[in-house]
């Protein structure tokens, strides 16, 4: 493994600048625009690991009641 010549101060400065860029770009996209994204309101697939009594009695009936074909 090789040592990087970047100092801790330079790394932190670059990380903060990158984080600020991501935060600013996310603020420019209002929540109403998410509805216009293709596939944003499509079906969500749910996988179940384990098949306990709690799932059979509570979760599965809820999933089946809200099922759309």
PDB file of N, CA and C in Angstrom:
ATOM      1  N   UNK A   1       0.845  -1.162   0.000  1.00  0.00           N
ATOM      2  CA  UNK A   1       0.000   0.000   0.000  1.00  0.00           C
ATOM      3  C   UNK A   1       0.899   1.236   0.000  1.00  0.00           C
ATOM      4  N   UNK A   2       0.547   2.234  -0.795  1.00  0.00           N
ATOM      5  CA  UNK A   2       1.375   3.430  -0.885  1.00  0.00           C
ATOM      6  C   UNK A   2       0.777   4.544  -0.047  1.00  0.00           C
ATOM      7  N   UNK A   3       1.655   5.400   0.434  1.00  0.00           N
ATOM      8  CA  UNK A   3       1.231   6.551   1.217  1.00  0.00           C
ATOM      9  C   UNK A   3       0.840   7.686   0.271  1.00  0.00           C
ATOM     10  N   UNK A   4      -0.224   8.379   0.588  1.00  0.00           N
ATOM     11  CA  UNK A   4      -0.640   9.530  -0.201  1.00  0.00           C
ATOM     12  C   UNK A   4       0.102  10.763   0.296  1.00  0.00           C
ATOM     13  N   UNK A   5       0.441  11.661  -0.608  1.00  0.00           N
ATOM     14  CA  UNK A   5       1.154  12.875  -0.216  1.00  0.00           C
ATOM     15  C   UNK A   5       0.207  13.983   0.205  1.00  0.00           C
ATOM     16  N   UNK A   6      -1.089  13.727   0.186  1.00  0.00           N
ATOM     17  CA  UNK A   6      -2.068  14.745   0.559  1.00  0.00           C
ATOM     18  C   UNK A   6      -2.097  14.893   2.076  1.00  0.00           C
ATOM     19  N   UNK A   7      -2.051  16.134   2.538  1.00  0.00           N
ATOM     20  CA  UNK A   7      -2.076  16.375   3.984  1.00  0.00           C
ATOM     21  C   UNK A   7      -3.498  16.238   4.509  1.00  0.00           C
ATOM     22  N   UNK A   8      -3.614  16.077   5.789  1.00  0.00           N
ATOM     23  CA  UNK A   8      -4.921  15.965   6.432  1.00  0.00           C
ATOM     24  C   UNK A   8      -5.737  17.242   6.205  1.00  0.00           C
ATOM     25  N   UNK A   9      -5.083  18.386   6.283  1.00  0.00           N
ATOM     26  CA  UNK A   9      -5.767  19.673   6.085  1.00  0.00           C
ATOM     27  C   UNK A   9      -6.324  19.775   4.664  1.00  0.00           C
ATOM     28  N   UNK A  10      -5.555  19.350   3.673  1.00  0.00           N
ATOM     29  CA  UNK A  10      -6.020  19.399   2.279  1.00  0.00           C
ATOM     30  C   UNK A  10      -7.170  18.417   2.068  1.00  0.00           C
ATOM     31  N   UNK A  11      -7.079  17.247   2.690  1.00  0.00           N
ATOM     32  CA  UNK A  11      -8.157  16.273   2.575  1.00  0.00           C
ATOM     33  C   UNK A  11      -9.454  16.811   3.169  1.00  0.00           C
ATOM     34  N   UNK A  12      -9.379  17.392   4.367  1.00  0.00           N
ATOM     35  CA  UNK A  12     -10.584  17.938   5.002  1.00  0.00           C
ATOM     36  C   UNK A  12     -11.165  19.086   4.184  1.00  0.00           C
ATOM     37  N   UNK A  13     -10.317  19.945   3.649  1.00  0.00           N
ATOM     38  CA  UNK A  13     -10.793  21.069   2.829  1.00  0.00           C
ATOM     39  C   UNK A  13     -11.534  20.557   1.592  1.00  0.00           C
ATOM     40  N   UNK A  14     -10.962  19.549   0.944  1.00  0.00           N
ATOM     41  CA  UNK A  14     -11.591  18.989  -0.243  1.00  0.00           C
ATOM     42  C   UNK A  14     -12.901  18.283   0.107  1.00  0.00           C
ATOM     43  N   UNK A  15     -12.941  17.598   1.231  1.00  0.00           N
ATOM     44  CA  UNK A  15     -14.154  16.908   1.659  1.00  0.00           C
ATOM     45  C   UNK A  15     -15.275  17.892   1.970  1.00  0.00           C
ATOM     46  N   UNK A  16     -14.957  18.965   2.657  1.00  0.00           N
ATOM     47  CA  UNK A  16     -15.964  19.981   2.989  1.00  0.00           C
ATOM     48  C   UNK A  16     -16.493  20.640   1.725  1.00  0.00           C
ATOM     49  N   UNK A  17     -15.613  20.938   0.792  1.00  0.00           N
ATOM     50  CA  UNK A  17     -16.057  21.550  -0.465  1.00  0.00           C
ATOM     51  C   UNK A  17     -16.967  20.608  -1.248  1.00  0.00           C
ATOM     52  N   UNK A  18     -16.644  19.326  -1.273  1.00  0.00           N
ATOM     53  CA  UNK A  18     -17.489  18.356  -1.963  1.00  0.00           C
ATOM     54  C   UNK A  18     -18.838  18.217  -1.290  1.00  0.00           C
ATOM     55  N   UNK A  19     -18.850  18.157   0.038  1.00  0.00           N
ATOM     56  CA  UNK A  19     -20.112  18.063   0.783  1.00  0.00           C
ATOM     57  C   UNK A  19     -20.975  19.293   0.580  1.00  0.00           C
ATOM     58  N   UNK A  20     -20.355  20.467   0.562  1.00  0.00           N
ATOM     59  CA  UNK A  20     -21.105  21.704   0.339  1.00  0.00           C
ATOM     60  C   UNK A  20     -21.701  21.718  -1.067  1.00  0.00           C
ATOM     61  N   UNK A  21     -20.953  21.212  -2.039  1.00  0.00           N
ATOM     62  CA  UNK A  21     -21.476  21.157  -3.413  1.00  0.00           C
ATOM     63  C   UNK A  21     -22.680  20.252  -3.528  1.00  0.00           C
ATOM     64  N   UNK A  22     -22.643  19.119  -2.860  1.00  0.00           N
ATOM     65  CA  UNK A  22     -23.777  18.194  -2.883  1.00  0.00           C
ATOM     66  C   UNK A  22     -24.977  18.824  -2.191  1.00  0.00           C
ATOM     67  N   UNK A  23     -24.770  19.485  -1.065  1.00  0.00           N
ATOM     68  CA  UNK A  23     -25.867  20.103  -0.328  1.00  0.00           C
ATOM     69  C   UNK A  23     -26.513  21.230  -1.139  1.00  0.00           C
ATOM     70  N   UNK A  24     -25.705  22.029  -1.789  1.00  0.00           N
ATOM     71  CA  UNK A  24     -26.241  23.140  -2.586  1.00  0.00           C
ATOM     72  C   UNK A  24     -27.009  22.620  -3.793  1.00  0.00           C
ATOM     73  N   UNK A  25     -26.501  21.577  -4.441  1.00  0.00           N
ATOM     74  CA  UNK A  25     -27.204  21.045  -5.608  1.00  0.00           C
ATOM     75  C   UNK A  25     -28.528  20.400  -5.215  1.00  0.00           C
ATOM     76  N   UNK A  26     -28.599  19.809  -4.033  1.00  0.00           N
ATOM     77  CA  UNK A  26     -29.850  19.196  -3.585  1.00  0.00           C
ATOM     78  C   UNK A  26     -30.883  20.256  -3.233  1.00  0.00           C
ATOM     79  N   UNK A  27     -30.440  21.418  -2.783  1.00  0.00           N
ATOM     80  CA  UNK A  27     -31.385  22.474  -2.426  1.00  0.00           C
ATOM     81  C   UNK A  27     -32.008  23.111  -3.663  1.00  0.00           C
ATOM     82  N   UNK A  28     -31.398  22.961  -4.809  1.00  0.00           N
ATOM     83  CA  UNK A  28     -31.920  23.551  -6.029  1.00  0.00           C
ATOM     84  C   UNK A  28     -33.024  22.730  -6.673  1.00  0.00           C
ATOM     85  N   UNK A  29     -33.356  21.569  -6.130  1.00  0.00           N
ATOM     86  CA  UNK A  29     -34.361  20.686  -6.701  1.00  0.00           C
ATOM     87  C   UNK A  29     -35.551  20.610  -5.748  1.00  0.00           C
ATOM     88  N   UNK A  30     -36.648  21.324  -6.038  1.00  0.00           N
ATOM     89  CA  UNK A  30     -37.789  21.298  -5.120  1.00  0.00           C
ATOM     90  C   UNK A  30     -38.471  19.934  -5.094  1.00  0.00           C
ATOM     91  N   UNK A  31     -39.197  19.670  -4.029  1.00  0.00           N
ATOM     92  CA  UNK A  31     -39.853  18.374  -3.853  1.00  0.00           C
ATOM     93  C   UNK A  31     -40.887  18.110  -4.946  1.00  0.00           C
ATOM     94  N   UNK A  32     -41.511  19.140  -5.476  1.00  0.00           N
ATOM     95  CA  UNK A  32     -42.520  18.936  -6.520  1.00  0.00           C
ATOM     96  C   UNK A  32     -41.909  18.380  -7.799  1.00  0.00           C
ATOM     97  N   UNK A  33     -40.633  18.599  -8.013  1.00  0.00           N
ATOM     98  CA  UNK A  33     -40.012  18.099  -9.235  1.00  0.00           C
ATOM     99  C   UNK A  33     -39.803  16.591  -9.195  1.00  0.00           C
ATOM    100  N   UNK A  34     -39.793  15.992  -8.004  1.00  0.00           N
ATOM    101  CA  UNK A  34     -39.618  14.546  -7.917  1.00  0.00           C
ATOM    102  C   UNK A  34     -40.794  13.801  -8.538  1.00  0.00           C
ATOM    103  N   UNK A  35     -41.968  14.390  -8.561  1.00  0.00           N
ATOM    104  CA  UNK A  35     -43.139  13.746  -9.155  1.00  0.00           C
ATOM    105  C   UNK A  35     -42.999  13.631 -10.668  1.00  0.00           C
ATOM    106  N   UNK A  36     -42.182  14.485 -11.273  1.00  0.00           N
ATOM    107  CA  UNK A  36     -42.012  14.459 -12.728  1.00  0.00           C
ATOM    108  C   UNK A  36     -40.916  13.491 -13.176  1.00  0.00           C
ATOM    109  N   UNK A  37     -40.193  12.900 -12.262  1.00  0.00           N
ATOM    110  CA  UNK A  37     -39.131  11.969 -12.619  1.00  0.00           C
ATOM    111  C   UNK A  37     -39.765  10.655 -13.051  1.00  0.00           C
ATOM    112  N   UNK A  38     -39.347  10.146 -14.206  1.00  0.00           N
ATOM    113  CA  UNK A  38     -39.894   8.898 -14.719  1.00  0.00           C
ATOM    114  C   UNK A  38     -39.619   7.764 -13.732  1.00  0.00           C
ATOM    115  N   UNK A  39     -40.650   7.043 -13.359  1.00  0.00           N
ATOM    116  CA  UNK A  39     -40.496   5.908 -12.472  1.00  0.00           C
ATOM    117  C   UNK A  39     -40.493   6.243 -10.997  1.00  0.00           C
ATOM    118  N   UNK A  40     -40.629   7.522 -10.649  1.00  0.00           N
ATOM    119  CA  UNK A  40     -40.560   7.916  -9.239  1.00  0.00           C
ATOM    120  C   UNK A  40     -41.747   7.395  -8.446  1.00  0.00           C
ATOM    121  N   UNK A  41     -42.886   7.218  -9.085  1.00  0.00           N
ATOM    122  CA  UNK A  41     -44.081   6.787  -8.368  1.00  0.00           C
ATOM    123  C   UNK A  41     -44.523   5.391  -8.779  1.00  0.00           C
ATOM    124  N   UNK A  42     -43.602   4.601  -9.270  1.00  0.00           N
ATOM    125  CA  UNK A  42     -43.923   3.240  -9.667  1.00  0.00           C
ATOM    126  C   UNK A  42     -44.000   2.318  -8.464  1.00  0.00           C
ATOM    127  N   UNK A  43     -44.235   1.091  -8.732  1.00  0.00           N
ATOM    128  CA  UNK A  43     -44.369   0.072  -7.696  1.00  0.00           C
ATOM    129  C   UNK A  43     -43.044  -0.135  -6.952  1.00  0.00           C
ATOM    130  N   UNK A  44     -43.157  -0.397  -5.681  1.00  0.00           N
ATOM    131  CA  UNK A  44     -41.996  -0.717  -4.854  1.00  0.00           C
ATOM    132  C   UNK A  44     -42.066  -2.197  -4.519  1.00  0.00           C
ATOM    133  N   UNK A  45     -41.023  -2.940  -4.844  1.00  0.00           N
ATOM    134  CA  UNK A  45     -40.971  -4.361  -4.524  1.00  0.00           C
ATOM    135  C   UNK A  45     -40.406  -4.546  -3.120  1.00  0.00           C
ATOM    136  N   UNK A  46     -41.019  -5.433  -2.362  1.00  0.00           N
ATOM    137  CA  UNK A  46     -40.599  -5.690  -0.993  1.00  0.00           C
ATOM    138  C   UNK A  46     -40.219  -7.155  -0.875  1.00  0.00           C
ATOM    139  N   UNK A  47     -39.064  -7.395  -0.317  1.00  0.00           N
ATOM    140  CA  UNK A  47     -38.626  -8.759  -0.056  1.00  0.00           C
ATOM    141  C   UNK A  47     -38.716  -9.041   1.429  1.00  0.00           C
ATOM    142  N   UNK A  48     -39.125 -10.233   1.788  1.00  0.00           N
ATOM    143  CA  UNK A  48     -39.285 -10.593   3.191  1.00  0.00           C
ATOM    144  C   UNK A  48     -38.291 -11.702   3.529  1.00  0.00           C
ATOM    145  N   UNK A  49     -37.521 -11.477   4.576  1.00  0.00           N
ATOM    146  CA  UNK A  49     -36.591 -12.489   5.072  1.00  0.00           C
ATOM    147  C   UNK A  49     -37.174 -13.021   6.368  1.00  0.00           C
ATOM    148  N   UNK A  50     -37.491 -14.268   6.377  1.00  0.00           N
ATOM    149  CA  UNK A  50     -38.126 -14.864   7.555  1.00  0.00           C
ATOM    150  C   UNK A  50     -39.635 -14.787   7.424  1.00  0.00           C
ATOM    151  N   UNK A  51     -40.292 -15.744   7.974  1.00  0.00           N
ATOM    152  CA  UNK A  51     -41.744 -15.818   7.843  1.00  0.00           C
ATOM    153  C   UNK A  51     -42.309 -16.116   9.228  1.00  0.00           C
ATOM    154  N   UNK A  52     -42.249 -15.121  10.090  1.00  0.00           N
ATOM    155  CA  UNK A  52     -42.638 -15.304  11.485  1.00  0.00           C
ATOM    156  C   UNK A  52     -44.142 -15.087  11.667  1.00  0.00           C
ATOM    157  N   UNK A  53     -44.598 -15.331  12.883  1.00  0.00           N
ATOM    158  CA  UNK A  53     -46.003 -15.085  13.210  1.00  0.00           C
ATOM    159  C   UNK A  53     -46.360 -13.617  13.055  1.00  0.00           C
ATOM    160  N   UNK A  54     -45.434 -12.738  13.415  1.00  0.00           N
ATOM    161  CA  UNK A  54     -45.686 -11.297  13.280  1.00  0.00           C
ATOM    162  C   UNK A  54     -45.927 -10.937  11.818  1.00  0.00           C
ATOM    163  N   UNK A  55     -45.142 -11.502  10.926  1.00  0.00           N
ATOM    164  CA  UNK A  55     -45.335 -11.216   9.510  1.00  0.00           C
ATOM    165  C   UNK A  55     -46.673 -11.756   9.023  1.00  0.00           C
ATOM    166  N   UNK A  56     -46.985 -12.998   9.381  1.00  0.00           N
ATOM    167  CA  UNK A  56     -48.234 -13.616   8.912  1.00  0.00           C
ATOM    168  C   UNK A  56     -49.462 -12.885   9.436  1.00  0.00           C
ATOM    169  N   UNK A  57     -49.398 -12.399  10.669  1.00  0.00           N
ATOM    170  CA  UNK A  57     -50.578 -11.795  11.296  1.00  0.00           C
ATOM    171  C   UNK A  57     -50.717 -10.298  11.018  1.00  0.00           C
ATOM    172  N   UNK A  58     -49.621  -9.588  10.830  1.00  0.00           N
ATOM    173  CA  UNK A  58     -49.708  -8.136  10.705  1.00  0.00           C
ATOM    174  C   UNK A  58     -49.262  -7.613   9.345  1.00  0.00           C
ATOM    175  N   UNK A  59     -48.095  -8.007   8.922  1.00  0.00           N
ATOM    176  CA  UNK A  59     -47.535  -7.401   7.721  1.00  0.00           C
ATOM    177  C   UNK A  59     -48.125  -7.942   6.430  1.00  0.00           C
ATOM    178  N   UNK A  60     -48.243  -9.258   6.304  1.00  0.00           N
ATOM    179  CA  UNK A  60     -48.740  -9.832   5.059  1.00  0.00           C
ATOM    180  C   UNK A  60     -50.153  -9.363   4.723  1.00  0.00           C
ATOM    181  N   UNK A  61     -51.105  -9.330   5.682  1.00  0.00           N
ATOM    182  CA  UNK A  61     -52.430  -8.801   5.336  1.00  0.00           C
ATOM    183  C   UNK A  61     -52.395  -7.344   4.877  1.00  0.00           C
ATOM    184  N   UNK A  62     -51.497  -6.549   5.457  1.00  0.00           N
ATOM    185  CA  UNK A  62     -51.373  -5.154   5.033  1.00  0.00           C
ATOM    186  C   UNK A  62     -50.827  -5.062   3.622  1.00  0.00           C
ATOM    187  N   UNK A  63     -49.803  -5.865   3.323  1.00  0.00           N
ATOM    188  CA  UNK A  63     -49.258  -5.866   1.980  1.00  0.00           C
ATOM    189  C   UNK A  63     -50.302  -6.301   0.959  1.00  0.00           C
ATOM    190  N   UNK A  64     -51.049  -7.321   1.275  1.00  0.00           N
ATOM    191  CA  UNK A  64     -52.056  -7.830   0.335  1.00  0.00           C
ATOM    192  C   UNK A  64     -53.222  -6.857   0.173  1.00  0.00           C
ATOM    193  N   UNK A  65     -53.591  -6.140   1.227  1.00  0.00           N
ATOM    194  CA  UNK A  65     -54.704  -5.187   1.131  1.00  0.00           C
ATOM    195  C   UNK A  65     -54.347  -4.001   0.256  1.00  0.00           C
ATOM    196  N   UNK A  66     -53.063  -3.624   0.224  1.00  0.00           N
ATOM    197  CA  UNK A  66     -52.627  -2.462  -0.562  1.00  0.00           C
ATOM    198  C   UNK A  66     -52.007  -2.865  -1.898  1.00  0.00           C
ATOM    199  N   UNK A  67     -52.206  -4.076  -2.306  1.00  0.00           N
ATOM    200  CA  UNK A  67     -51.615  -4.604  -3.532  1.00  0.00           C
ATOM    201  C   UNK A  67     -52.349  -4.064  -4.753  1.00  0.00           C
ATOM    202  N   UNK A  68     -51.575  -3.600  -5.725  1.00  0.00           N
ATOM    203  CA  UNK A  68     -52.142  -3.147  -6.996  1.00  0.00           C
ATOM    204  C   UNK A  68     -51.541  -3.981  -8.096  1.00  0.00           C
ATOM    205  N   UNK A  69     -52.360  -4.383  -9.038  1.00  0.00           N
ATOM    206  CA  UNK A  69     -51.852  -5.178 -10.176  1.00  0.00           C
ATOM    207  C   UNK A  69     -51.533  -4.313 -11.347  1.00  0.00           C
TER     208      UNK A  69
END
